[in-house]
């Protein structure tokens, strides 16, 4: 059974200042997501499902989807503010004057009806590299739909930082190759003026913590059997009970994944990738990403032309 790649591409890009999911960074107008999709295809994934916003559909099709769909089994679904909410819940949410989406678990559940096999989840604006996606694809190809042993590919924190501002990372605690917990750190940054220092700090719960840079962090590269949807739906139901009136609360995938362990419903095997992350968090990141992609093409890691367009 070939696994599915599920791509979270409905984010707002508030810090980036544009639709970063489909911003061109490759030699032929490819966006960062082209490369992740290409890596999934050559790693044995059977199809890709993108989760997008309705307002970017036209640009998304023109700048990514139509060319990918000619080369790979691809489809997309919408994440909308009203999805998976009753009329009464929507009325309750209106009180918050909320601008943000409901978060990554909401996005994943919006695509549930399209998933009938083990699946990987990635962010649209992060670069993962072939190794991580290939490792996860191999594992997912070996499990069945009722498997309770899921997986995550972690990255070394120091290889996932930006010199242009703070980043959000889930710091993972592991034991004997399995995940124990993930603590969401929403503001991790290099110290010094203009983030030029060599030390790393995290602001968490009103305190500042020093980090070594060697921590294993989640970049939302997870692999699940469809069995995980049972916990995700319970987590989403709990979120709706407590957070619909909070303007900035989000239902987060790493938290729901940790709940699988917390409630004794399964395990999450942790693989580690040595790839260096790069991504589209800030406008200044775009040239860094373009240069990194160009270097990978020059080294033969990627062909100059990813997809046939005829």
Protein backbone atom coordinates (compact mmCIF):
# COMPACT_ATOMS: atom_id res chain seq x y z
CA UNK A 1 0.00 0.00 0.00
CA UNK A 2 1.52 3.30 -1.08
CA UNK A 3 1.23 6.11 1.47
CA UNK A 4 -0.26 9.55 0.81
CA UNK A 5 1.46 12.90 1.30
CA UNK A 6 -0.80 15.42 3.05
CA UNK A 7 0.38 19.03 2.67
CA UNK A 8 -0.66 21.86 4.99
CA UNK A 9 -0.85 24.81 2.61
CA UNK A 10 -3.63 26.97 4.04
CA UNK A 11 -1.55 29.18 6.34
CA UNK A 12 -1.87 32.96 6.26
CA UNK A 13 1.84 33.84 5.99
CA UNK A 14 1.48 36.84 8.31
CA UNK A 15 5.22 37.22 8.94
CA UNK A 16 6.17 36.54 5.33
CA UNK A 17 3.76 39.08 3.89
CA UNK A 18 2.41 37.03 0.98
CA UNK A 19 1.31 33.62 -0.25
CA UNK A 20 4.61 31.90 0.48
CA UNK A 21 3.24 28.44 -0.34
CA UNK A 22 3.39 29.22 -4.06
CA UNK A 23 6.17 31.81 -4.27
CA UNK A 24 8.66 30.88 -7.00
CA UNK A 25 12.14 29.82 -5.83
CA UNK A 26 13.25 27.36 -8.53
CA UNK A 27 14.87 27.94 -11.93
CA UNK A 28 11.63 27.24 -13.80
CA UNK A 29 9.25 28.98 -11.44
CA UNK A 30 8.92 26.06 -9.04
CA UNK A 31 7.86 26.84 -5.49
CA UNK A 32 9.33 25.17 -2.43
CA UNK A 33 6.42 22.76 -2.35
CA UNK A 34 7.30 21.45 -5.81
CA UNK A 35 10.50 20.00 -4.38
CA UNK A 36 8.81 18.32 -1.40
CA UNK A 37 6.18 16.82 -3.71
CA UNK A 38 8.89 15.63 -6.10
CA UNK A 39 10.76 14.02 -3.20
CA UNK A 40 7.57 12.24 -2.13
CA UNK A 41 6.96 10.90 -5.62
CA UNK A 42 10.47 9.49 -5.90
CA UNK A 43 10.18 8.05 -2.37
CA UNK A 44 7.24 5.79 -3.25
CA UNK A 45 4.25 7.88 -2.19
CA UNK A 46 1.15 7.12 -4.24
CA UNK A 47 -0.55 10.52 -4.20
CA UNK A 48 -0.51 14.00 -2.71
CA UNK A 49 -3.40 15.90 -1.11
CA UNK A 50 -2.99 19.65 -0.60
CA UNK A 51 -5.01 21.58 1.97
CA UNK A 52 -5.50 25.18 0.80
CA UNK A 53 -7.65 28.28 1.32
CA UNK A 54 -10.36 29.06 -1.21
CA UNK A 55 -8.97 32.53 -1.87
CA UNK A 56 -5.69 31.16 -3.28
CA UNK A 57 -7.22 28.43 -5.46
CA UNK A 58 -6.72 30.18 -8.81
CA UNK A 59 -3.08 31.08 -8.14
CA UNK A 60 -2.44 27.70 -6.56
CA UNK A 61 -3.63 25.88 -9.66
CA UNK A 62 -1.72 28.11 -12.05
CA UNK A 63 1.55 28.19 -10.11
CA UNK A 64 1.73 24.63 -8.78
CA UNK A 65 -1.16 22.21 -8.92
CA UNK A 66 -1.83 21.89 -12.64
CA UNK A 67 1.75 20.93 -13.48
CA UNK A 68 2.06 18.53 -10.54
CA UNK A 69 -1.25 16.84 -11.41
CA UNK A 70 0.07 16.01 -14.88
CA UNK A 71 2.89 14.02 -13.30
CA UNK A 72 1.47 12.68 -10.03
CA UNK A 73 -1.88 11.65 -8.54
CA UNK A 74 -2.85 14.94 -6.89
CA UNK A 75 -5.92 16.62 -5.45
CA UNK A 76 -6.76 19.40 -3.02
CA UNK A 77 -9.29 20.27 -0.36
CA UNK A 78 -10.24 23.53 1.34
CA UNK A 79 -9.73 24.53 4.94
CA UNK A 80 -12.47 27.03 5.69
CA UNK A 81 -13.33 28.76 9.00
CA UNK A 82 -16.76 27.14 9.08
CA UNK A 83 -15.59 23.59 8.32
CA UNK A 84 -16.26 20.99 11.05
CA UNK A 85 -18.28 23.45 13.13
CA UNK A 86 -21.99 23.37 13.87
CA UNK A 87 -24.15 26.47 13.52
CA UNK A 88 -24.10 26.92 17.30
CA UNK A 89 -20.32 26.59 17.42
CA UNK A 90 -19.92 29.14 14.62
CA UNK A 91 -22.09 31.58 16.51
CA UNK A 92 -19.92 31.10 19.57
CA UNK A 93 -16.75 31.65 17.53
CA UNK A 94 -18.01 34.95 16.11
CA UNK A 95 -17.64 36.52 19.55
CA UNK A 96 -13.85 36.25 19.27
CA UNK A 97 -13.65 38.26 16.02
CA UNK A 98 -11.13 35.64 15.00
CA UNK A 99 -8.78 36.24 12.05
CA UNK A 100 -6.56 33.15 12.25
CA UNK A 101 -7.37 29.66 10.92
CA UNK A 102 -8.21 26.97 13.45
CA UNK A 103 -4.81 25.30 13.24
CA UNK A 104 -3.10 22.25 11.81
CA UNK A 105 -5.35 19.59 13.35
CA UNK A 106 -8.36 21.34 11.86
CA UNK A 107 -6.57 21.31 8.50
CA UNK A 108 -5.78 17.59 8.73
CA UNK A 109 -9.37 16.74 9.64
CA UNK A 110 -10.63 18.76 6.66
CA UNK A 111 -8.83 16.21 4.47
CA UNK A 112 -9.90 13.09 6.36
CA UNK A 113 -12.31 11.87 3.66
CA UNK A 114 -9.46 11.84 1.12
CA UNK A 115 -7.19 9.63 3.26
CA UNK A 116 -7.65 5.86 3.08
CA UNK A 117 -4.10 4.70 3.77
CA UNK A 118 -1.10 5.58 5.97
CA UNK A 119 -0.10 9.19 5.37
CA UNK A 120 2.64 11.72 6.00
CA UNK A 121 1.99 15.35 6.95
CA UNK A 122 4.23 18.25 5.95
CA UNK A 123 4.13 22.05 5.95
CA UNK A 124 4.05 23.75 2.57
CA UNK A 125 6.64 26.38 3.46
CA UNK A 126 9.32 24.13 4.99
CA UNK A 127 12.05 22.26 3.14
CA UNK A 128 12.53 18.74 4.47
CA UNK A 129 14.95 17.11 2.03
CA UNK A 130 14.80 13.69 0.41
CA UNK A 131 16.19 11.78 3.39
CA UNK A 132 13.38 12.64 5.82
CA UNK A 133 10.56 12.09 3.35
CA UNK A 134 12.12 8.88 2.04
CA UNK A 135 12.58 7.52 5.58
CA UNK A 136 8.97 8.24 6.46
CA UNK A 137 7.68 6.85 3.16
CA UNK A 138 9.49 3.58 3.72
CA UNK A 139 8.07 3.23 7.22
CA UNK A 140 4.51 4.09 6.20
CA UNK A 141 4.66 1.54 3.38
CA UNK A 142 5.31 -1.16 5.99
CA UNK A 143 2.27 -0.54 8.24
CA UNK A 144 -1.46 -1.16 7.89
CA UNK A 145 -4.44 1.10 8.46
CA UNK A 146 -5.03 -0.10 12.03
CA UNK A 147 -1.43 0.26 13.17
CA UNK A 148 -1.01 2.15 16.45
CA UNK A 149 2.71 2.78 15.99
CA UNK A 150 3.03 6.07 14.14
CA UNK A 151 6.20 7.98 13.27
CA UNK A 152 7.92 11.34 13.21
CA UNK A 153 11.08 12.60 11.56
CA UNK A 154 12.84 15.04 13.85
CA UNK A 155 15.49 17.59 12.95
CA UNK A 156 18.42 19.03 14.90
CA UNK A 157 17.35 22.44 16.23
CA UNK A 158 20.56 24.18 15.19
CA UNK A 159 19.94 23.14 11.60
CA UNK A 160 16.43 24.63 11.56
CA UNK A 161 17.08 28.21 12.71
CA UNK A 162 16.63 31.49 10.85
CA UNK A 163 18.90 34.55 11.08
CA UNK A 164 15.96 36.75 10.11
CA UNK A 165 13.82 36.30 13.22
CA UNK A 166 12.36 33.83 15.67
CA UNK A 167 10.93 30.44 14.73
CA UNK A 168 8.34 28.15 16.27
CA UNK A 169 9.48 24.60 17.01
CA UNK A 170 8.17 21.64 18.95
CA UNK A 171 11.03 20.43 21.16
CA UNK A 172 10.81 16.65 21.45
CA UNK A 173 11.71 14.44 24.39
CA UNK A 174 12.50 10.89 23.32
CA UNK A 175 13.22 7.58 25.02
CA UNK A 176 14.52 4.41 23.36
CA UNK A 177 13.71 5.77 19.92
CA UNK A 178 10.13 6.75 20.74
CA UNK A 179 8.52 10.09 21.46
CA UNK A 180 7.70 10.89 25.09
CA UNK A 181 6.42 14.44 24.61
CA UNK A 182 6.60 17.59 22.48
CA UNK A 183 6.72 21.06 24.01
CA UNK A 184 5.67 23.78 21.61
CA UNK A 185 8.17 26.67 21.74
CA UNK A 186 6.62 29.48 19.71
CA UNK A 187 9.56 31.88 19.95
CA UNK A 188 13.07 30.47 19.50
CA UNK A 189 15.80 32.78 18.24
CA UNK A 190 19.51 33.53 18.04
CA UNK A 191 20.67 36.09 20.56
CA UNK A 192 22.46 39.32 19.67
CA UNK A 193 21.69 42.28 17.48
CA UNK A 194 19.81 41.28 14.33
CA UNK A 195 19.95 37.65 15.55
CA UNK A 196 23.69 37.51 14.85
CA UNK A 197 24.75 35.71 18.04
CA UNK A 198 25.68 32.06 18.45
CA UNK A 199 23.50 31.30 21.46
CA UNK A 200 19.88 30.16 21.15
CA UNK A 201 17.08 31.19 23.49
CA UNK A 202 13.43 30.29 23.82
CA UNK A 203 10.70 32.38 25.39
CA UNK A 204 8.25 29.97 26.97
CA UNK A 205 5.52 30.66 29.51
CA UNK A 206 6.94 34.08 30.33
CA UNK A 207 10.48 32.81 30.96
CA UNK A 208 13.65 32.71 28.85
CA UNK A 209 15.45 29.40 28.45
CA UNK A 210 18.83 28.63 26.93
CA UNK A 211 18.90 25.88 24.30
CA UNK A 212 21.99 24.04 23.07
CA UNK A 213 20.97 23.72 19.43
CA UNK A 214 21.30 19.92 19.61
CA UNK A 215 17.69 19.32 20.65
CA UNK A 216 15.47 17.19 18.42
CA UNK A 217 12.60 19.29 17.13
CA UNK A 218 9.42 18.62 15.25
CA UNK A 219 9.01 20.29 11.88
CA UNK A 220 5.54 18.77 11.40
CA UNK A 221 6.96 15.83 9.46
CA UNK A 222 4.73 13.14 10.88
CA UNK A 223 3.50 9.79 9.63
CA UNK A 224 0.26 8.20 10.76
CA UNK A 225 -2.02 5.32 10.04
CA UNK A 226 -5.69 6.33 9.63
CA UNK A 227 -6.18 5.05 13.19
CA UNK A 228 -4.79 8.39 14.40
CA UNK A 229 -7.92 10.19 13.20
CA UNK A 230 -9.76 8.80 16.22
CA UNK A 231 -7.53 10.77 18.61
CA UNK A 232 -7.44 13.83 16.35
CA UNK A 233 -11.24 14.04 16.41
CA UNK A 234 -11.30 13.73 20.21
CA UNK A 235 -8.68 16.46 20.47
CA UNK A 236 -10.65 18.70 18.10
CA UNK A 237 -13.84 18.16 20.10
CA UNK A 238 -12.00 19.16 23.27
CA UNK A 239 -10.55 22.22 21.58
CA UNK A 240 -13.99 23.36 20.50
CA UNK A 241 -15.28 23.10 24.05
CA UNK A 242 -12.59 25.37 25.47
CA UNK A 243 -11.18 27.60 22.73
CA UNK A 244 -13.72 28.80 20.16
CA UNK A 245 -13.96 32.20 21.83
CA UNK A 246 -10.19 32.68 22.05
CA UNK A 247 -8.93 34.87 19.16
CA UNK A 248 -5.50 33.23 18.80
CA UNK A 249 -5.90 29.65 20.01
CA UNK A 250 -4.97 26.94 17.50
CA UNK A 251 -5.55 23.20 17.44
CA UNK A 252 -2.01 21.95 16.85
CA UNK A 253 -0.92 18.69 15.24
CA UNK A 254 2.11 18.08 17.54
CA UNK A 255 -0.10 18.45 20.62
CA UNK A 256 -2.71 16.03 19.27
CA UNK A 257 0.06 13.61 18.25
CA UNK A 258 1.44 13.76 21.81
CA UNK A 259 -2.04 12.91 23.09
CA UNK A 260 -1.81 9.54 21.34
CA UNK A 261 0.99 8.74 23.77
CA UNK A 262 -0.57 10.52 26.73
CA UNK A 263 -3.77 8.48 26.53
CA UNK A 264 -2.03 5.16 25.83
CA UNK A 265 -3.47 4.83 22.33
CA UNK A 266 -0.20 4.15 20.55
CA UNK A 267 3.45 5.07 20.09
CA UNK A 268 5.35 7.45 17.83
CA UNK A 269 8.66 6.17 16.52
CA UNK A 270 11.23 8.94 16.08
CA UNK A 271 13.62 9.05 13.15
CA UNK A 272 16.20 11.83 12.87
CA UNK A 273 17.23 13.63 9.70
CA UNK A 274 20.58 15.40 9.39
CA UNK A 275 19.26 17.64 6.62
CA UNK A 276 19.52 21.38 7.13
CA UNK A 277 16.14 23.06 7.14
CA UNK A 278 15.30 26.14 5.19
CA UNK A 279 11.94 27.73 4.74
CA UNK A 280 9.82 30.75 3.92
CA UNK A 281 9.10 32.39 7.26
CA UNK A 282 10.27 35.95 6.54
CA UNK A 283 10.62 37.93 3.26
CA UNK A 284 14.40 37.87 3.67
CA UNK A 285 14.32 34.07 3.57
CA UNK A 286 13.36 33.95 -0.10
CA UNK A 287 16.83 34.63 -1.51
CA UNK A 288 18.37 32.17 0.96
CA UNK A 289 15.95 29.49 -0.24
CA UNK A 290 16.58 30.29 -3.92
CA UNK A 291 20.35 30.01 -3.40
CA UNK A 292 20.02 26.73 -1.49
CA UNK A 293 17.80 25.21 -4.19
CA UNK A 294 20.21 26.37 -6.92
CA UNK A 295 23.08 24.67 -5.08
CA UNK A 296 21.13 21.42 -4.85
CA UNK A 297 20.36 21.53 -8.56
CA UNK A 298 24.02 22.22 -9.37
CA UNK A 299 25.08 19.23 -7.26
CA UNK A 300 22.64 16.90 -9.04
CA UNK A 301 20.38 16.48 -6.01
CA UNK A 302 17.49 17.72 -8.18
CA UNK A 303 17.17 17.85 -11.97
CA UNK A 304 16.97 21.31 -13.51
CA UNK A 305 13.42 20.53 -14.60
CA UNK A 306 11.31 18.67 -12.04
CA UNK A 307 8.15 18.03 -14.01
CA UNK A 308 7.16 17.40 -17.59
CA UNK A 309 4.61 20.06 -18.57
CA UNK A 310 3.03 18.58 -21.68
